PDB file of N, CA and C in Angstrom:
ATOM      1  N   MET A   1      -4.924  -9.563 -27.877  1.00  0.00           N
ATOM      2  CA  MET A   1      -6.167  -9.388 -27.157  1.00  0.00           C
ATOM      3  C   MET A   1      -7.325  -9.220 -28.139  1.00  0.00           C
ATOM      4  N   LYS A   2      -7.021  -8.620 -29.280  1.00  0.00           N
ATOM      5  CA  LYS A   2      -8.073  -8.450 -30.277  1.00  0.00           C
ATOM      6  C   LYS A   2      -8.561  -9.808 -30.777  1.00  0.00           C
ATOM      7  N   LEU A   3      -7.643 -10.748 -30.935  1.00  0.00           N
ATOM      8  CA  LEU A   3      -8.002 -12.091 -31.380  1.00  0.00           C
ATOM      9  C   LEU A   3      -8.890 -12.777 -30.341  1.00  0.00           C
ATOM     10  N   VAL A   4      -8.591 -12.576 -29.074  1.00  0.00           N
ATOM     11  CA  VAL A   4      -9.416 -13.152 -28.005  1.00  0.00           C
ATOM     12  C   VAL A   4     -10.814 -12.560 -28.068  1.00  0.00           C
ATOM     13  N   GLU A   5     -10.906 -11.241 -28.276  1.00  0.00           N
ATOM     14  CA  GLU A   5     -12.227 -10.599 -28.355  1.00  0.00           C
ATOM     15  C   GLU A   5     -13.037 -11.145 -29.524  1.00  0.00           C
ATOM     16  N   GLU A   6     -12.389 -11.293 -30.680  1.00  0.00           N
ATOM     17  CA  GLU A   6     -13.103 -11.766 -31.870  1.00  0.00           C
ATOM     18  C   GLU A   6     -13.524 -13.227 -31.741  1.00  0.00           C
ATOM     19  N   THR A   7     -12.668 -14.053 -31.185  1.00  0.00           N
ATOM     20  CA  THR A   7     -12.940 -15.480 -31.108  1.00  0.00           C
ATOM     21  C   THR A   7     -13.816 -15.854 -29.925  1.00  0.00           C
ATOM     22  N   SER A   8     -13.814 -15.037 -28.887  1.00  0.00           N
ATOM     23  CA  SER A   8     -14.549 -15.400 -27.675  1.00  0.00           C
ATOM     24  C   SER A   8     -16.057 -15.438 -27.894  1.00  0.00           C
ATOM     25  N   ALA A   9     -16.565 -14.730 -28.891  1.00  0.00           N
ATOM     26  CA  ALA A   9     -18.001 -14.767 -29.170  1.00  0.00           C
ATOM     27  C   ALA A   9     -18.425 -16.157 -29.648  1.00  0.00           C
ATOM     28  N   ILE A  10     -17.501 -16.847 -30.286  1.00  0.00           N
ATOM     29  CA  ILE A  10     -17.815 -18.182 -30.810  1.00  0.00           C
ATOM     30  C   ILE A  10     -17.506 -19.261 -29.780  1.00  0.00           C
ATOM     31  N   GLU A  11     -16.309 -19.242 -29.242  1.00  0.00           N
ATOM     32  CA  GLU A  11     -15.835 -20.302 -28.360  1.00  0.00           C
ATOM     33  C   GLU A  11     -16.080 -20.010 -26.878  1.00  0.00           C
ATOM     34  N   GLY A  12     -16.191 -18.771 -26.520  1.00  0.00           N
ATOM     35  CA  GLY A  12     -16.260 -18.398 -25.121  1.00  0.00           C
ATOM     36  C   GLY A  12     -14.902 -17.898 -24.661  1.00  0.00           C
ATOM     37  N   VAL A  13     -14.922 -17.022 -23.688  1.00  0.00           N
ATOM     38  CA  VAL A  13     -13.681 -16.392 -23.227  1.00  0.00           C
ATOM     39  C   VAL A  13     -12.732 -17.414 -22.615  1.00  0.00           C
ATOM     40  N   GLU A  14     -13.258 -18.292 -21.776  1.00  0.00           N
ATOM     41  CA  GLU A  14     -12.397 -19.250 -21.086  1.00  0.00           C
ATOM     42  C   GLU A  14     -11.677 -20.165 -22.073  1.00  0.00           C
ATOM     43  N   ALA A  15     -12.402 -20.723 -23.027  1.00  0.00           N
ATOM     44  CA  ALA A  15     -11.803 -21.637 -23.998  1.00  0.00           C
ATOM     45  C   ALA A  15     -10.812 -20.912 -24.906  1.00  0.00           C
ATOM     46  N   THR A  16     -11.155 -19.697 -25.315  1.00  0.00           N
ATOM     47  CA  THR A  16     -10.265 -18.925 -26.189  1.00  0.00           C
ATOM     48  C   THR A  16      -8.969 -18.580 -25.478  1.00  0.00           C
ATOM     49  N   CYS A  17      -9.071 -18.119 -24.240  1.00  0.00           N
ATOM     50  CA  CYS A  17      -7.873 -17.770 -23.476  1.00  0.00           C
ATOM     51  C   CYS A  17      -6.996 -18.995 -23.248  1.00  0.00           C
ATOM     52  N   GLU A  18      -7.623 -20.110 -22.958  1.00  0.00           N
ATOM     53  CA  GLU A  18      -6.859 -21.343 -22.733  1.00  0.00           C
ATOM     54  C   GLU A  18      -6.160 -21.781 -24.016  1.00  0.00           C
ATOM     55  N   ALA A  19      -6.848 -21.690 -25.146  1.00  0.00           N
ATOM     56  CA  ALA A  19      -6.259 -22.106 -26.423  1.00  0.00           C
ATOM     57  C   ALA A  19      -5.101 -21.199 -26.825  1.00  0.00           C
ATOM     58  N   LEU A  20      -5.187 -19.911 -26.505  1.00  0.00           N
ATOM     59  CA  LEU A  20      -4.133 -18.967 -26.878  1.00  0.00           C
ATOM     60  C   LEU A  20      -3.101 -18.780 -25.774  1.00  0.00           C
ATOM     61  N   ASP A  21      -3.262 -19.499 -24.683  1.00  0.00           N
ATOM     62  CA  ASP A  21      -2.365 -19.408 -23.534  1.00  0.00           C
ATOM     63  C   ASP A  21      -2.276 -17.976 -22.989  1.00  0.00           C
ATOM     64  N   VAL A  22      -3.465 -17.386 -22.842  1.00  0.00           N
ATOM     65  CA  VAL A  22      -3.586 -16.030 -22.275  1.00  0.00           C
ATOM     66  C   VAL A  22      -4.392 -16.141 -20.990  1.00  0.00           C
ATOM     67  N   CYS A  23      -3.906 -15.504 -19.959  1.00  0.00           N
ATOM     68  CA  CYS A  23      -4.615 -15.519 -18.688  1.00  0.00           C
ATOM     69  C   CYS A  23      -5.909 -14.711 -18.819  1.00  0.00           C
ATOM     70  N   ARG A  24      -7.010 -15.254 -18.310  1.00  0.00           N
ATOM     71  CA  ARG A  24      -8.288 -14.529 -18.394  1.00  0.00           C
ATOM     72  C   ARG A  24      -8.238 -13.196 -17.674  1.00  0.00           C
ATOM     73  N   ALA A  25      -7.517 -13.144 -16.550  1.00  0.00           N
ATOM     74  CA  ALA A  25      -7.408 -11.885 -15.814  1.00  0.00           C
ATOM     75  C   ALA A  25      -6.738 -10.817 -16.672  1.00  0.00           C
ATOM     76  N   THR A  26      -5.721 -11.222 -17.433  1.00  0.00           N
ATOM     77  CA  THR A  26      -5.040 -10.282 -18.321  1.00  0.00           C
ATOM     78  C   THR A  26      -5.997  -9.778 -19.390  1.00  0.00           C
ATOM     79  N   TYR A  27      -6.801 -10.677 -19.925  1.00  0.00           N
ATOM     80  CA  TYR A  27      -7.780 -10.292 -20.943  1.00  0.00           C
ATOM     81  C   TYR A  27      -8.774  -9.288 -20.379  1.00  0.00           C
ATOM     82  N   TYR A  28      -9.338  -9.580 -19.225  1.00  0.00           N
ATOM     83  CA  TYR A  28     -10.333  -8.674 -18.641  1.00  0.00           C
ATOM     84  C   TYR A  28      -9.698  -7.356 -18.205  1.00  0.00           C
ATOM     85  N   ARG A  29      -8.460  -7.391 -17.740  1.00  0.00           N
ATOM     86  CA  ARG A  29      -7.753  -6.165 -17.370  1.00  0.00           C
ATOM     87  C   ARG A  29      -7.525  -5.303 -18.604  1.00  0.00           C
ATOM     88  N   HIS A  30      -7.227  -5.943 -19.713  1.00  0.00           N
ATOM     89  CA  HIS A  30      -7.001  -5.232 -20.964  1.00  0.00           C
ATOM     90  C   HIS A  30      -8.288  -4.564 -21.453  1.00  0.00           C
ATOM     91  N   ARG A  31      -9.414  -5.204 -21.222  1.00  0.00           N
ATOM     92  CA  ARG A  31     -10.708  -4.659 -21.650  1.00  0.00           C
ATOM     93  C   ARG A  31     -11.159  -3.490 -20.802  1.00  0.00           C
ATOM     94  N   GLY A  32     -10.688  -3.435 -19.549  1.00  0.00           N
ATOM     95  CA  GLY A  32     -11.146  -2.421 -18.605  1.00  0.00           C
ATOM     96  C   GLY A  32     -10.744  -1.018 -19.003  1.00  0.00           C
ATOM     97  N   PRO A  33     -11.210  -0.045 -18.263  1.00  0.00           N
ATOM     98  CA  PRO A  33     -10.882   1.351 -18.577  1.00  0.00           C
ATOM     99  C   PRO A  33      -9.393   1.631 -18.368  1.00  0.00           C
ATOM    100  N   ASP A  34      -8.863   2.547 -19.153  1.00  0.00           N
ATOM    101  CA  ASP A  34      -7.463   2.914 -19.045  1.00  0.00           C
ATOM    102  C   ASP A  34      -7.217   3.933 -17.938  1.00  0.00           C
ATOM    103  N   VAL A  35      -8.281   4.494 -17.437  1.00  0.00           N
ATOM    104  CA  VAL A  35      -8.151   5.538 -16.418  1.00  0.00           C
ATOM    105  C   VAL A  35      -8.307   4.902 -15.041  1.00  0.00           C
ATOM    106  N   TYR A  36      -7.312   5.113 -14.210  1.00  0.00           N
ATOM    107  CA  TYR A  36      -7.357   4.621 -12.844  1.00  0.00           C
ATOM    108  C   TYR A  36      -7.308   5.823 -11.927  1.00  0.00           C
ATOM    109  N   TRP A  37      -8.030   5.771 -10.846  1.00  0.00           N
ATOM    110  CA  TRP A  37      -8.034   6.878  -9.901  1.00  0.00           C
ATOM    111  C   TRP A  37      -8.057   6.328  -8.500  1.00  0.00           C
ATOM    112  N   VAL A  38      -7.598   7.136  -7.614  1.00  0.00           N
ATOM    113  CA  VAL A  38      -7.579   6.770  -6.210  1.00  0.00           C
ATOM    114  C   VAL A  38      -8.523   7.703  -5.478  1.00  0.00           C
ATOM    115  N   ALA A  39      -9.394   7.136  -4.705  1.00  0.00           N
ATOM    116  CA  ALA A  39     -10.343   7.944  -3.952  1.00  0.00           C
ATOM    117  C   ALA A  39      -9.594   8.752  -2.900  1.00  0.00           C
ATOM    118  N   HIS A  40      -9.967   9.996  -2.763  1.00  0.00           N
ATOM    119  CA  HIS A  40      -9.344  10.850  -1.751  1.00  0.00           C
ATOM    120  C   HIS A  40      -9.915  10.478  -0.394  1.00  0.00           C
ATOM    121  N   ARG A  41      -9.028  10.172   0.523  1.00  0.00           N
ATOM    122  CA  ARG A  41      -9.453   9.837   1.878  1.00  0.00           C
ATOM    123  C   ARG A  41      -8.998  10.942   2.808  1.00  0.00           C
ATOM    124  N   PRO A  42      -9.882  11.435   3.639  1.00  0.00           N
ATOM    125  CA  PRO A  42      -9.452  12.453   4.598  1.00  0.00           C
ATOM    126  C   PRO A  42      -8.521  11.822   5.631  1.00  0.00           C
ATOM    127  N   PRO A  43      -7.628  12.620   6.213  1.00  0.00           N
ATOM    128  CA  PRO A  43      -6.736  12.055   7.226  1.00  0.00           C
ATOM    129  C   PRO A  43      -7.531  11.623   8.458  1.00  0.00           C
ATOM    130  N   PRO A  44      -7.077  10.584   9.134  1.00  0.00           N
ATOM    131  CA  PRO A  44      -7.776  10.149  10.339  1.00  0.00           C
ATOM    132  C   PRO A  44      -7.797  11.277  11.370  1.00  0.00           C
ATOM    133  N   PRO A  45      -8.861  11.378  12.146  1.00  0.00           N
ATOM    134  CA  PRO A  45      -8.969  12.489  13.108  1.00  0.00           C
ATOM    135  C   PRO A  45      -7.889  12.474  14.183  1.00  0.00           C
ATOM    136  N   ARG A  46      -7.327  11.310  14.490  1.00  0.00           N
ATOM    137  CA  ARG A  46      -6.303  11.220  15.542  1.00  0.00           C
ATOM    138  C   ARG A  46      -4.878  11.255  14.986  1.00  0.00           C
ATOM    139  N   SER A  47      -4.726  11.557  13.706  1.00  0.00           N
ATOM    140  CA  SER A  47      -3.384  11.565  13.124  1.00  0.00           C
ATOM    141  C   SER A  47      -2.588  12.767  13.633  1.00  0.00           C
ATOM    142  N   LEU A  48      -1.273  12.603  13.590  1.00  0.00           N
ATOM    143  CA  LEU A  48      -0.387  13.663  14.057  1.00  0.00           C
ATOM    144  C   LEU A  48      -0.349  14.807  13.050  1.00  0.00           C
ATOM    145  N   LEU A  49      -0.139  16.005  13.575  1.00  0.00           N
ATOM    146  CA  LEU A  49       0.082  17.151  12.710  1.00  0.00           C
ATOM    147  C   LEU A  49       1.481  17.009  12.099  1.00  0.00           C
ATOM    148  N   PRO A  50       1.739  17.644  10.968  1.00  0.00           N
ATOM    149  CA  PRO A  50       3.066  17.518  10.342  1.00  0.00           C
ATOM    150  C   PRO A  50       4.218  17.902  11.276  1.00  0.00           C
ATOM    151  N   VAL A  51       4.028  18.906  12.108  1.00  0.00           N
ATOM    152  CA  VAL A  51       5.079  19.317  13.048  1.00  0.00           C
ATOM    153  C   VAL A  51       5.322  18.227  14.099  1.00  0.00           C
ATOM    154  N   GLU A  52       4.241  17.629  14.596  1.00  0.00           N
ATOM    155  CA  GLU A  52       4.362  16.557  15.585  1.00  0.00           C
ATOM    156  C   GLU A  52       5.025  15.329  14.958  1.00  0.00           C
ATOM    157  N   ARG A  53       4.628  15.014  13.743  1.00  0.00           N
ATOM    158  CA  ARG A  53       5.204  13.865  13.040  1.00  0.00           C
ATOM    159  C   ARG A  53       6.714  14.055  12.860  1.00  0.00           C
ATOM    160  N   ARG A  54       7.127  15.255  12.466  1.00  0.00           N
ATOM    161  CA  ARG A  54       8.550  15.552  12.280  1.00  0.00           C
ATOM    162  C   ARG A  54       9.308  15.406  13.602  1.00  0.00           C
ATOM    163  N   ALA A  55       8.695  15.857  14.720  1.00  0.00           N
ATOM    164  CA  ALA A  55       9.339  15.752  16.029  1.00  0.00           C
ATOM    165  C   ALA A  55       9.534  14.283  16.422  1.00  0.00           C
ATOM    166  N   VAL A  56       8.527  13.463  16.191  1.00  0.00           N
ATOM    167  CA  VAL A  56       8.631  12.033  16.507  1.00  0.00           C
ATOM    168  C   VAL A  56       9.713  11.382  15.652  1.00  0.00           C
ATOM    169  N   LEU A  57       9.735  11.684  14.369  1.00  0.00           N
ATOM    170  CA  LEU A  57      10.752  11.099  13.491  1.00  0.00           C
ATOM    171  C   LEU A  57      12.157  11.561  13.869  1.00  0.00           C
ATOM    172  N   ASP A  58      12.272  12.806  14.295  1.00  0.00           N
ATOM    173  CA  ASP A  58      13.589  13.294  14.727  1.00  0.00           C
ATOM    174  C   ASP A  58      14.098  12.490  15.925  1.00  0.00           C
ATOM    175  N   VAL A  59      13.217  12.203  16.878  1.00  0.00           N
ATOM    176  CA  VAL A  59      13.617  11.404  18.046  1.00  0.00           C
ATOM    177  C   VAL A  59      13.968   9.979  17.620  1.00  0.00           C
ATOM    178  N   LEU A  60      13.156   9.388  16.764  1.00  0.00           N
ATOM    179  CA  LEU A  60      13.405   8.012  16.322  1.00  0.00           C
ATOM    180  C   LEU A  60      14.704   7.892  15.520  1.00  0.00           C
ATOM    181  N   HIS A  61      15.128   8.967  14.878  1.00  0.00           N
ATOM    182  CA  HIS A  61      16.346   8.928  14.062  1.00  0.00           C
ATOM    183  C   HIS A  61      17.605   9.286  14.845  1.00  0.00           C
ATOM    184  N   GLU A  62      17.483   9.519  16.133  1.00  0.00           N
ATOM    185  CA  GLU A  62      18.671   9.799  16.941  1.00  0.00           C
ATOM    186  C   GLU A  62      19.566   8.564  16.965  1.00  0.00           C
ATOM    187  N   ASP A  63      20.861   8.790  17.135  1.00  0.00           N
ATOM    188  CA  ASP A  63      21.826   7.687  17.114  1.00  0.00           C
ATOM    189  C   ASP A  63      21.540   6.642  18.187  1.00  0.00           C
ATOM    190  N   ARG A  64      21.133   7.068  19.375  1.00  0.00           N
ATOM    191  CA  ARG A  64      20.929   6.096  20.460  1.00  0.00           C
ATOM    192  C   ARG A  64      19.731   5.179  20.205  1.00  0.00           C
ATOM    193  N   PHE A  65      18.830   5.569  19.308  1.00  0.00           N
ATOM    194  CA  PHE A  65      17.655   4.747  19.008  1.00  0.00           C
ATOM    195  C   PHE A  65      17.744   4.088  17.633  1.00  0.00           C
ATOM    196  N   ALA A  66      18.894   4.127  17.006  1.00  0.00           N
ATOM    197  CA  ALA A  66      19.039   3.664  15.620  1.00  0.00           C
ATOM    198  C   ALA A  66      18.627   2.204  15.425  1.00  0.00           C
ATOM    199  N   ASP A  67      18.908   1.345  16.390  1.00  0.00           N
ATOM    200  CA  ASP A  67      18.630  -0.082  16.227  1.00  0.00           C
ATOM    201  C   ASP A  67      17.425  -0.559  17.025  1.00  0.00           C
ATOM    202  N   LEU A  68      16.591   0.365  17.471  1.00  0.00           N
ATOM    203  CA  LEU A  68      15.437  -0.011  18.290  1.00  0.00           C
ATOM    204  C   LEU A  68      14.133   0.175  17.526  1.00  0.00           C
ATOM    205  N   ALA A  69      13.162  -0.636  17.891  1.00  0.00           N
ATOM    206  CA  ALA A  69      11.816  -0.498  17.344  1.00  0.00           C
ATOM    207  C   ALA A  69      11.127   0.679  18.033  1.00  0.00           C
ATOM    208  N   PRO A  70      10.125   1.277  17.391  1.00  0.00           N
ATOM    209  CA  PRO A  70       9.422   2.405  18.011  1.00  0.00           C
ATOM    210  C   PRO A  70       8.869   2.086  19.407  1.00  0.00           C
ATOM    211  N   ALA A  71       8.388   0.869  19.618  1.00  0.00           N
ATOM    212  CA  ALA A  71       7.868   0.497  20.938  1.00  0.00           C
ATOM    213  C   ALA A  71       8.984   0.512  21.988  1.00  0.00           C
ATOM    214  N   GLN A  72      10.174   0.091  21.604  1.00  0.00           N
ATOM    215  CA  GLN A  72      11.308   0.111  22.531  1.00  0.00           C
ATOM    216  C   GLN A  72      11.742   1.542  22.840  1.00  0.00           C
ATOM    217  N   VAL A  73      11.693   2.409  21.832  1.00  0.00           N
ATOM    218  CA  VAL A  73      12.031   3.813  22.050  1.00  0.00           C
ATOM    219  C   VAL A  73      11.028   4.431  23.025  1.00  0.00           C
ATOM    220  N   TYR A  74       9.772   4.130  22.825  1.00  0.00           N
ATOM    221  CA  TYR A  74       8.714   4.639  23.702  1.00  0.00           C
ATOM    222  C   TYR A  74       8.950   4.191  25.137  1.00  0.00           C
ATOM    223  N   ALA A  75       9.243   2.905  25.327  1.00  0.00           N
ATOM    224  CA  ALA A  75       9.493   2.381  26.672  1.00  0.00           C
ATOM    225  C   ALA A  75      10.721   3.029  27.300  1.00  0.00           C
ATOM    226  N   THR A  76      11.755   3.220  26.505  1.00  0.00           N
ATOM    227  CA  THR A  76      12.973   3.859  27.005  1.00  0.00           C
ATOM    228  C   THR A  76      12.685   5.291  27.442  1.00  0.00           C
ATOM    229  N   LEU A  77      11.957   6.009  26.645  1.00  0.00           N
ATOM    230  CA  LEU A  77      11.627   7.392  26.983  1.00  0.00           C
ATOM    231  C   LEU A  77      10.732   7.467  28.216  1.00  0.00           C
ATOM    232  N   LEU A  78       9.834   6.502  28.380  1.00  0.00           N
ATOM    233  CA  LEU A  78       8.999   6.474  29.579  1.00  0.00           C
ATOM    234  C   LEU A  78       9.851   6.241  30.829  1.00  0.00           C
ATOM    235  N   ASP A  79      10.816   5.313  30.731  1.00  0.00           N
ATOM    236  CA  ASP A  79      11.710   5.041  31.856  1.00  0.00           C
ATOM    237  C   ASP A  79      12.540   6.261  32.195  1.00  0.00           C
ATOM    238  N   CYS A  80      13.030   6.960  31.197  1.00  0.00           N
ATOM    239  CA  CYS A  80      13.832   8.157  31.434  1.00  0.00           C
ATOM    240  C   CYS A  80      13.027   9.246  32.117  1.00  0.00           C
ATOM    241  N   ASN A  81      11.774   9.382  31.727  1.00  0.00           N
ATOM    242  CA  ASN A  81      10.907  10.404  32.345  1.00  0.00           C
ATOM    243  C   ASN A  81      10.579  10.036  33.766  1.00  0.00           C
ATOM    244  N   ALA A  82      10.426   8.741  34.081  1.00  0.00           N
ATOM    245  CA  ALA A  82      10.131   8.309  35.454  1.00  0.00           C
ATOM    246  C   ALA A  82      11.343   8.543  36.354  1.00  0.00           C
ATOM    247  N   CYS A  83      12.558   8.402  35.811  1.00  0.00           N
ATOM    248  CA  CYS A  83      13.777   8.604  36.605  1.00  0.00           C
ATOM    249  C   CYS A  83      13.975  10.070  36.957  1.00  0.00           C
ATOM    250  N   GLU A  84      13.525  10.967  36.074  1.00  0.00           N
ATOM    251  CA  GLU A  84      13.723  12.392  36.289  1.00  0.00           C
ATOM    252  C   GLU A  84      12.824  12.931  37.400  1.00  0.00           C
ATOM    253  N   LYS A  85      11.721  12.283  37.682  1.00  0.00           N
ATOM    254  CA  LYS A  85      10.757  12.804  38.673  1.00  0.00           C
ATOM    255  C   LYS A  85      11.055  12.354  40.063  1.00  0.00           C
TER     256      LYS A  85
END
């Protein structure tokens, strides 16, 4: 990468990278900062509380729902609740 930096002033980055068989994206990524950070995002206002999330996962992990998609589990539970009333 140092050779690309030194030569690019004369030939240009594109020509230098092509001559050395180095991808330009790799060159620019190498030049960038070494520090990466992730912006903190607040949880969505409608997200489940940890206790609620655990309860939903417990139901989804039951043996009778092992091979079903969450939408199918939801429909099954709705049908069961309608039968009880």
